[in-house]
């Protein structure tokens, strides 16, 4: 399973976009502080996830979402329930 996910901090309400093969393990890593980038904003709740057929596709989508740096886009994805951007 290759997943792009969006977490929301329950402390500062900021979003974090990531991708993984094991969503349960990765969420636990974020919430236990083992992820350096998110350790200061824990705990997190999972607000969105979408599966992709390959790890390459999931990583590409994750990279493109992070490159946008747009809260509006992230919130639109959460509201609509899926990612619309085409993978190149």
PDB file of N, CA and C in Angstrom:
ATOM      1  N   UNK A   1       0.844  -1.170   0.000  1.00  0.00           N
ATOM      2  CA  UNK A   1       0.000   0.000   0.000  1.00  0.00           C
ATOM      3  C   UNK A   1       0.897   1.244   0.000  1.00  0.00           C
ATOM      4  N   UNK A   2       0.699   2.128  -0.947  1.00  0.00           N
ATOM      5  CA  UNK A   2       1.439   3.380  -1.052  1.00  0.00           C
ATOM      6  C   UNK A   2       0.443   4.509  -0.855  1.00  0.00           C
ATOM      7  N   UNK A   3       0.648   5.288   0.196  1.00  0.00           N
ATOM      8  CA  UNK A   3      -0.351   6.254   0.621  1.00  0.00           C
ATOM      9  C   UNK A   3       0.240   7.660   0.701  1.00  0.00           C
ATOM     10  N   UNK A   4      -0.515   8.630   0.205  1.00  0.00           N
ATOM     11  CA  UNK A   4      -0.245  10.036   0.487  1.00  0.00           C
ATOM     12  C   UNK A   4      -1.217  10.414   1.589  1.00  0.00           C
ATOM     13  N   UNK A   5      -0.695  11.049   2.628  1.00  0.00           N
ATOM     14  CA  UNK A   5      -1.542  11.374   3.771  1.00  0.00           C
ATOM     15  C   UNK A   5      -1.369  12.830   4.182  1.00  0.00           C
ATOM     16  N   UNK A   6      -2.380  13.331   4.858  1.00  0.00           N
ATOM     17  CA  UNK A   6      -2.327  14.676   5.418  1.00  0.00           C
ATOM     18  C   UNK A   6      -2.681  14.569   6.894  1.00  0.00           C
ATOM     19  N   UNK A   7      -1.795  15.100   7.715  1.00  0.00           N
ATOM     20  CA  UNK A   7      -2.014  15.152   9.148  1.00  0.00           C
ATOM     21  C   UNK A   7      -2.286  16.589   9.545  1.00  0.00           C
ATOM     22  N   UNK A   8      -3.016  16.761  10.645  1.00  0.00           N
ATOM     23  CA  UNK A   8      -3.209  18.093  11.189  1.00  0.00           C
ATOM     24  C   UNK A   8      -2.775  18.080  12.652  1.00  0.00           C
ATOM     25  N   UNK A   9      -1.956  19.049  13.011  1.00  0.00           N
ATOM     26  CA  UNK A   9      -1.495  19.173  14.389  1.00  0.00           C
ATOM     27  C   UNK A   9      -2.666  19.570  15.275  1.00  0.00           C
ATOM     28  N   UNK A  10      -2.782  18.911  16.410  1.00  0.00           N
ATOM     29  CA  UNK A  10      -3.816  19.276  17.370  1.00  0.00           C
ATOM     30  C   UNK A  10      -3.333  20.408  18.276  1.00  0.00           C
ATOM     31  N   UNK A  11      -2.103  20.868  18.080  1.00  0.00           N
ATOM     32  CA  UNK A  11      -1.539  21.965  18.857  1.00  0.00           C
ATOM     33  C   UNK A  11      -1.673  23.286  18.108  1.00  0.00           C
ATOM     34  N   UNK A  12      -1.149  23.327  16.865  1.00  0.00           N
ATOM     35  CA  UNK A  12      -1.161  24.586  16.109  1.00  0.00           C
ATOM     36  C   UNK A  12      -2.029  24.532  14.848  1.00  0.00           C
ATOM     37  N   UNK A  13      -2.677  23.402  14.606  1.00  0.00           N
ATOM     38  CA  UNK A  13      -3.617  23.194  13.499  1.00  0.00           C
ATOM     39  C   UNK A  13      -2.981  23.287  12.111  1.00  0.00           C
ATOM     40  N   UNK A  14      -1.662  23.225  12.038  1.00  0.00           N
ATOM     41  CA  UNK A  14      -0.980  23.210  10.746  1.00  0.00           C
ATOM     42  C   UNK A  14      -1.071  21.815  10.150  1.00  0.00           C
ATOM     43  N   UNK A  15      -0.946  21.763   8.828  1.00  0.00           N
ATOM     44  CA  UNK A  15      -1.014  20.497   8.105  1.00  0.00           C
ATOM     45  C   UNK A  15       0.383  19.994   7.782  1.00  0.00           C
ATOM     46  N   UNK A  16       0.500  18.677   7.687  1.00  0.00           N
ATOM     47  CA  UNK A  16       1.731  18.035   7.253  1.00  0.00           C
ATOM     48  C   UNK A  16       1.355  17.020   6.182  1.00  0.00           C
ATOM     49  N   UNK A  17       2.025  17.071   5.050  1.00  0.00           N
ATOM     50  CA  UNK A  17       1.781  16.148   3.937  1.00  0.00           C
ATOM     51  C   UNK A  17       2.944  15.158   3.880  1.00  0.00           C
ATOM     52  N   UNK A  18       2.618  13.891   3.714  1.00  0.00           N
ATOM     53  CA  UNK A  18       3.660  12.872   3.617  1.00  0.00           C
ATOM     54  C   UNK A  18       3.191  11.695   2.787  1.00  0.00           C
ATOM     55  N   UNK A  19       4.094  10.748   2.588  1.00  0.00           N
ATOM     56  CA  UNK A  19       3.740   9.494   1.907  1.00  0.00           C
ATOM     57  C   UNK A  19       4.477   8.357   2.590  1.00  0.00           C
ATOM     58  N   UNK A  20       3.880   7.183   2.523  1.00  0.00           N
ATOM     59  CA  UNK A  20       4.449   6.025   3.206  1.00  0.00           C
ATOM     60  C   UNK A  20       3.860   4.741   2.640  1.00  0.00           C
ATOM     61  N   UNK A  21       4.488   3.641   2.992  1.00  0.00           N
ATOM     62  CA  UNK A  21       3.932   2.324   2.660  1.00  0.00           C
ATOM     63  C   UNK A  21       3.106   1.780   3.828  1.00  0.00           C
ATOM     64  N   UNK A  22       3.386   2.268   5.051  1.00  0.00           N
ATOM     65  CA  UNK A  22       2.696   1.775   6.243  1.00  0.00           C
ATOM     66  C   UNK A  22       2.164   2.968   7.039  1.00  0.00           C
ATOM     67  N   UNK A  23       0.927   3.318   6.807  1.00  0.00           N
ATOM     68  CA  UNK A  23       0.335   4.516   7.408  1.00  0.00           C
ATOM     69  C   UNK A  23       0.231   4.413   8.927  1.00  0.00           C
ATOM     70  N   UNK A  24      -0.128   3.282   9.447  1.00  0.00           N
ATOM     71  CA  UNK A  24      -0.253   3.104  10.899  1.00  0.00           C
ATOM     72  C   UNK A  24       1.082   3.358  11.586  1.00  0.00           C
ATOM     73  N   UNK A  25       2.143   2.758  11.075  1.00  0.00           N
ATOM     74  CA  UNK A  25       3.473   2.934  11.642  1.00  0.00           C
ATOM     75  C   UNK A  25       3.918   4.385  11.548  1.00  0.00           C
ATOM     76  N   UNK A  26       3.684   5.003  10.399  1.00  0.00           N
ATOM     77  CA  UNK A  26       4.141   6.379  10.178  1.00  0.00           C
ATOM     78  C   UNK A  26       3.414   7.368  11.097  1.00  0.00           C
ATOM     79  N   UNK A  27       2.123   7.191  11.284  1.00  0.00           N
ATOM     80  CA  UNK A  27       1.360   8.050  12.189  1.00  0.00           C
ATOM     81  C   UNK A  27       1.882   7.910  13.616  1.00  0.00           C
ATOM     82  N   UNK A  28       2.198   6.695  14.014  1.00  0.00           N
ATOM     83  CA  UNK A  28       2.755   6.454  15.347  1.00  0.00           C
ATOM     84  C   UNK A  28       4.111   7.152  15.481  1.00  0.00           C
ATOM     85  N   UNK A  29       4.922   7.133  14.433  1.00  0.00           N
ATOM     86  CA  UNK A  29       6.219   7.816  14.470  1.00  0.00           C
ATOM     87  C   UNK A  29       6.042   9.325  14.650  1.00  0.00           C
ATOM     88  N   UNK A  30       5.090   9.903  13.932  1.00  0.00           N
ATOM     89  CA  UNK A  30       4.835  11.335  14.073  1.00  0.00           C
ATOM     90  C   UNK A  30       4.375  11.664  15.495  1.00  0.00           C
ATOM     91  N   UNK A  31       3.477  10.878  16.032  1.00  0.00           N
ATOM     92  CA  UNK A  31       2.903  11.180  17.338  1.00  0.00           C
ATOM     93  C   UNK A  31       3.824  10.846  18.511  1.00  0.00           C
ATOM     94  N   UNK A  32       4.835  10.022  18.282  1.00  0.00           N
ATOM     95  CA  UNK A  32       5.775   9.690  19.360  1.00  0.00           C
ATOM     96  C   UNK A  32       6.993  10.617  19.349  1.00  0.00           C
ATOM     97  N   UNK A  33       7.087  11.486  18.348  1.00  0.00           N
ATOM     98  CA  UNK A  33       8.207  12.419  18.279  1.00  0.00           C
ATOM     99  C   UNK A  33       9.413  11.884  17.537  1.00  0.00           C
ATOM    100  N   UNK A  34       9.294  10.723  16.912  1.00  0.00           N
ATOM    101  CA  UNK A  34      10.425  10.144  16.179  1.00  0.00           C
ATOM    102  C   UNK A  34      10.621  10.754  14.801  1.00  0.00           C
ATOM    103  N   UNK A  35       9.723  11.622  14.404  1.00  0.00           N
ATOM    104  CA  UNK A  35       9.867  12.337  13.145  1.00  0.00           C
ATOM    105  C   UNK A  35      10.329  13.754  13.481  1.00  0.00           C
ATOM    106  N   UNK A  36      11.571  14.077  13.138  1.00  0.00           N
ATOM    107  CA  UNK A  36      12.189  15.333  13.563  1.00  0.00           C
ATOM    108  C   UNK A  36      11.365  16.559  13.151  1.00  0.00           C
ATOM    109  N   UNK A  37      10.878  16.589  11.929  1.00  0.00           N
ATOM    110  CA  UNK A  37      10.180  17.766  11.424  1.00  0.00           C
ATOM    111  C   UNK A  37       8.882  18.039  12.174  1.00  0.00           C
ATOM    112  N   UNK A  38       8.189  16.997  12.599  1.00  0.00           N
ATOM    113  CA  UNK A  38       6.881  17.181  13.225  1.00  0.00           C
ATOM    114  C   UNK A  38       6.898  17.024  14.749  1.00  0.00           C
ATOM    115  N   UNK A  39       8.053  16.781  15.336  1.00  0.00           N
ATOM    116  CA  UNK A  39       8.103  16.478  16.771  1.00  0.00           C
ATOM    117  C   UNK A  39       7.636  17.623  17.656  1.00  0.00           C
ATOM    118  N   UNK A  40       7.720  18.872  17.194  1.00  0.00           N
ATOM    119  CA  UNK A  40       7.319  20.010  18.012  1.00  0.00           C
ATOM    120  C   UNK A  40       5.828  20.328  17.914  1.00  0.00           C
ATOM    121  N   UNK A  41       5.125  19.680  16.998  1.00  0.00           N
ATOM    122  CA  UNK A  41       3.710  19.984  16.780  1.00  0.00           C
ATOM    123  C   UNK A  41       2.784  18.840  17.132  1.00  0.00           C
ATOM    124  N   UNK A  42       3.294  17.785  17.745  1.00  0.00           N
ATOM    125  CA  UNK A  42       2.468  16.626  18.061  1.00  0.00           C
ATOM    126  C   UNK A  42       1.518  16.936  19.189  1.00  0.00           C
ATOM    127  N   UNK A  43       0.421  16.271  19.319  1.00  0.00           N
ATOM    128  CA  UNK A  43      -0.042  15.130  18.530  1.00  0.00           C
ATOM    129  C   UNK A  43      -0.722  15.554  17.228  1.00  0.00           C
ATOM    130  N   UNK A  44      -0.805  14.589  16.319  1.00  0.00           N
ATOM    131  CA  UNK A  44      -1.434  14.787  15.027  1.00  0.00           C
ATOM    132  C   UNK A  44      -2.644  13.888  14.881  1.00  0.00           C
ATOM    133  N   UNK A  45      -3.579  14.357  14.065  1.00  0.00           N
ATOM    134  CA  UNK A  45      -4.685  13.485  13.684  1.00  0.00           C
ATOM    135  C   UNK A  45      -4.645  13.342  12.163  1.00  0.00           C
ATOM    136  N   UNK A  46      -4.991  12.167  11.701  1.00  0.00           N
ATOM    137  CA  UNK A  46      -5.049  11.892  10.276  1.00  0.00           C
ATOM    138  C   UNK A  46      -6.335  12.497   9.729  1.00  0.00           C
ATOM    139  N   UNK A  47      -6.207  13.411   8.751  1.00  0.00           N
ATOM    140  CA  UNK A  47      -7.390  14.054   8.189  1.00  0.00           C
ATOM    141  C   UNK A  47      -7.647  13.639   6.746  1.00  0.00           C
ATOM    142  N   UNK A  48      -6.663  12.963   6.115  1.00  0.00           N
ATOM    143  CA  UNK A  48      -6.839  12.536   4.731  1.00  0.00           C
ATOM    144  C   UNK A  48      -5.801  11.475   4.388  1.00  0.00           C
ATOM    145  N   UNK A  49      -6.202  10.506   3.573  1.00  0.00           N
ATOM    146  CA  UNK A  49      -5.245   9.565   2.989  1.00  0.00           C
ATOM    147  C   UNK A  49      -5.814   9.047   1.668  1.00  0.00           C
ATOM    148  N   UNK A  50      -4.924   8.791   0.736  1.00  0.00           N
ATOM    149  CA  UNK A  50      -5.309   8.258  -0.567  1.00  0.00           C
ATOM    150  C   UNK A  50      -4.235   7.278  -1.019  1.00  0.00           C
ATOM    151  N   UNK A  51      -4.676   6.125  -1.464  1.00  0.00           N
ATOM    152  CA  UNK A  51      -3.747   5.097  -1.933  1.00  0.00           C
ATOM    153  C   UNK A  51      -3.376   5.321  -3.388  1.00  0.00           C
ATOM    154  N   UNK A  52      -2.138   4.934  -3.715  1.00  0.00           N
ATOM    155  CA  UNK A  52      -1.639   4.972  -5.085  1.00  0.00           C
ATOM    156  C   UNK A  52      -1.014   3.631  -5.408  1.00  0.00           C
ATOM    157  N   UNK A  53      -0.959   3.320  -6.693  1.00  0.00           N
ATOM    158  CA  UNK A  53      -0.510   1.988  -7.095  1.00  0.00           C
ATOM    159  C   UNK A  53       0.986   1.775  -6.904  1.00  0.00           C
ATOM    160  N   UNK A  54       1.787   2.832  -6.972  1.00  0.00           N
ATOM    161  CA  UNK A  54       3.231   2.674  -6.812  1.00  0.00           C
ATOM    162  C   UNK A  54       3.782   3.693  -5.819  1.00  0.00           C
ATOM    163  N   UNK A  55       4.912   3.356  -5.246  1.00  0.00           N
ATOM    164  CA  UNK A  55       5.581   4.274  -4.330  1.00  0.00           C
ATOM    165  C   UNK A  55       6.048   5.519  -5.086  1.00  0.00           C
ATOM    166  N   UNK A  56       6.498   5.330  -6.284  1.00  0.00           N
ATOM    167  CA  UNK A  56       6.968   6.447  -7.108  1.00  0.00           C
ATOM    168  C   UNK A  56       5.851   7.476  -7.336  1.00  0.00           C
ATOM    169  N   UNK A  57       4.658   6.982  -7.629  1.00  0.00           N
ATOM    170  CA  UNK A  57       3.516   7.867  -7.848  1.00  0.00           C
ATOM    171  C   UNK A  57       3.161   8.625  -6.564  1.00  0.00           C
ATOM    172  N   UNK A  58       3.129   7.916  -5.442  1.00  0.00           N
ATOM    173  CA  UNK A  58       2.802   8.546  -4.155  1.00  0.00           C
ATOM    174  C   UNK A  58       3.829   9.610  -3.797  1.00  0.00           C
ATOM    175  N   UNK A  59       5.099   9.313  -3.976  1.00  0.00           N
ATOM    176  CA  UNK A  59       6.153  10.291  -3.662  1.00  0.00           C
ATOM    177  C   UNK A  59       6.076  11.509  -4.578  1.00  0.00           C
ATOM    178  N   UNK A  60       5.756  11.275  -5.831  1.00  0.00           N
ATOM    179  CA  UNK A  60       5.640  12.375  -6.785  1.00  0.00           C
ATOM    180  C   UNK A  60       4.497  13.313  -6.392  1.00  0.00           C
ATOM    181  N   UNK A  61       3.363  12.750  -6.019  1.00  0.00           N
ATOM    182  CA  UNK A  61       2.216  13.551  -5.592  1.00  0.00           C
ATOM    183  C   UNK A  61       2.559  14.298  -4.302  1.00  0.00           C
ATOM    184  N   UNK A  62       3.187  13.620  -3.349  1.00  0.00           N
ATOM    185  CA  UNK A  62       3.600  14.272  -2.103  1.00  0.00           C
ATOM    186  C   UNK A  62       4.503  15.470  -2.402  1.00  0.00           C
ATOM    187  N   UNK A  63       5.491  15.275  -3.243  1.00  0.00           N
ATOM    188  CA  UNK A  63       6.428  16.348  -3.587  1.00  0.00           C
ATOM    189  C   UNK A  63       5.700  17.536  -4.207  1.00  0.00           C
ATOM    190  N   UNK A  64       4.787  17.259  -5.112  1.00  0.00           N
ATOM    191  CA  UNK A  64       4.058  18.340  -5.789  1.00  0.00           C
ATOM    192  C   UNK A  64       3.162  19.101  -4.814  1.00  0.00           C
ATOM    193  N   UNK A  65       2.524  18.387  -3.889  1.00  0.00           N
ATOM    194  CA  UNK A  65       1.691  19.060  -2.888  1.00  0.00           C
ATOM    195  C   UNK A  65       2.539  19.957  -1.987  1.00  0.00           C
ATOM    196  N   UNK A  66       3.697  19.463  -1.578  1.00  0.00           N
ATOM    197  CA  UNK A  66       4.577  20.264  -0.727  1.00  0.00           C
ATOM    198  C   UNK A  66       5.108  21.479  -1.478  1.00  0.00           C
ATOM    199  N   UNK A  67       5.325  21.333  -2.762  1.00  0.00           N
ATOM    200  CA  UNK A  67       5.840  22.424  -3.577  1.00  0.00           C
ATOM    201  C   UNK A  67       4.820  23.562  -3.697  1.00  0.00           C
ATOM    202  N   UNK A  68       3.532  23.239  -3.691  1.00  0.00           N
ATOM    203  CA  UNK A  68       2.484  24.265  -3.759  1.00  0.00           C
ATOM    204  C   UNK A  68       2.500  25.162  -2.518  1.00  0.00           C
ATOM    205  N   UNK A  69       2.808  24.594  -1.357  1.00  0.00           N
ATOM    206  CA  UNK A  69       2.814  25.327  -0.080  1.00  0.00           C
ATOM    207  C   UNK A  69       1.521  26.112   0.118  1.00  0.00           C
ATOM    208  N   UNK A  70       0.403  25.471  -0.161  1.00  0.00           N
ATOM    209  CA  UNK A  70      -0.873  26.167  -0.098  1.00  0.00           C
ATOM    210  C   UNK A  70      -1.846  25.469   0.847  1.00  0.00           C
ATOM    211  N   UNK A  71      -2.219  26.156   1.899  1.00  0.00           N
ATOM    212  CA  UNK A  71      -3.218  25.630   2.830  1.00  0.00           C
ATOM    213  C   UNK A  71      -4.566  25.456   2.127  1.00  0.00           C
ATOM    214  N   UNK A  72      -4.892  26.384   1.188  1.00  0.00           N
ATOM    215  CA  UNK A  72      -6.155  26.289   0.444  1.00  0.00           C
ATOM    216  C   UNK A  72      -6.244  24.986  -0.332  1.00  0.00           C
ATOM    217  N   UNK A  73      -5.165  24.609  -1.006  1.00  0.00           N
ATOM    218  CA  UNK A  73      -5.160  23.372  -1.792  1.00  0.00           C
ATOM    219  C   UNK A  73      -5.325  22.173  -0.869  1.00  0.00           C
ATOM    220  N   UNK A  74      -4.592  22.163   0.231  1.00  0.00           N
ATOM    221  CA  UNK A  74      -4.685  21.049   1.183  1.00  0.00           C
ATOM    222  C   UNK A  74      -6.105  20.938   1.730  1.00  0.00           C
ATOM    223  N   UNK A  75      -6.700  22.051   2.110  1.00  0.00           N
ATOM    224  CA  UNK A  75      -8.062  22.018   2.653  1.00  0.00           C
ATOM    225  C   UNK A  75      -9.084  21.603   1.601  1.00  0.00           C
ATOM    226  N   UNK A  76      -8.842  21.953   0.346  1.00  0.00           N
ATOM    227  CA  UNK A  76      -9.735  21.527  -0.736  1.00  0.00           C
ATOM    228  C   UNK A  76      -9.650  20.006  -0.926  1.00  0.00           C
ATOM    229  N   UNK A  77      -8.453  19.467  -0.860  1.00  0.00           N
ATOM    230  CA  UNK A  77      -8.264  18.012  -0.973  1.00  0.00           C
ATOM    231  C   UNK A  77      -8.996  17.301   0.162  1.00  0.00           C
ATOM    232  N   UNK A  78      -8.843  17.814   1.373  1.00  0.00           N
ATOM    233  CA  UNK A  78      -9.512  17.204   2.533  1.00  0.00           C
ATOM    234  C   UNK A  78     -11.026  17.248   2.348  1.00  0.00           C
ATOM    235  N   UNK A  79     -11.546  18.391   1.929  1.00  0.00           N
ATOM    236  CA  UNK A  79     -12.995  18.561   1.755  1.00  0.00           C
ATOM    237  C   UNK A  79     -13.545  17.648   0.660  1.00  0.00           C
ATOM    238  N   UNK A  80     -12.837  17.570  -0.473  1.00  0.00           N
ATOM    239  CA  UNK A  80     -13.325  16.787  -1.611  1.00  0.00           C
ATOM    240  C   UNK A  80     -13.048  15.290  -1.443  1.00  0.00           C
ATOM    241  N   UNK A  81     -12.058  14.941  -0.620  1.00  0.00           N
ATOM    242  CA  UNK A  81     -11.800  13.539  -0.346  1.00  0.00           C
ATOM    243  C   UNK A  81     -10.892  12.827  -1.323  1.00  0.00           C
ATOM    244  N   UNK A  82     -10.271  13.574  -2.221  1.00  0.00           N
ATOM    245  CA  UNK A  82      -9.305  12.951  -3.137  1.00  0.00           C
ATOM    246  C   UNK A  82      -8.402  14.004  -3.751  1.00  0.00           C
ATOM    247  N   UNK A  83      -7.280  13.538  -4.261  1.00  0.00           N
ATOM    248  CA  UNK A  83      -6.297  14.418  -4.890  1.00  0.00           C
ATOM    249  C   UNK A  83      -6.552  14.437  -6.378  1.00  0.00           C
ATOM    250  N   UNK A  84      -6.712  15.638  -6.930  1.00  0.00           N
ATOM    251  CA  UNK A  84      -7.006  15.789  -8.358  1.00  0.00           C
ATOM    252  C   UNK A  84      -5.789  16.026  -9.222  1.00  0.00           C
ATOM    253  N   UNK A  85      -4.666  16.458  -8.648  1.00  0.00           N
ATOM    254  CA  UNK A  85      -3.526  16.804  -9.495  1.00  0.00           C
ATOM    255  C   UNK A  85      -3.042  15.595 -10.272  1.00  0.00           C
ATOM    256  N   UNK A  86      -2.760  15.837 -11.534  1.00  0.00           N
ATOM    257  CA  UNK A  86      -2.264  14.771 -12.396  1.00  0.00           C
ATOM    258  C   UNK A  86      -0.808  14.492 -12.065  1.00  0.00           C
ATOM    259  N   UNK A  87      -0.439  13.234 -12.104  1.00  0.00           N
ATOM    260  CA  UNK A  87       0.929  12.834 -11.850  1.00  0.00           C
ATOM    261  C   UNK A  87       1.692  12.857 -13.164  1.00  0.00           C
ATOM    262  N   UNK A  88       2.827  13.509 -13.156  1.00  0.00           N
ATOM    263  CA  UNK A  88       3.654  13.571 -14.378  1.00  0.00           C
ATOM    264  C   UNK A  88       4.823  12.636 -14.285  1.00  0.00           C
TER     265      UNK A  88
END
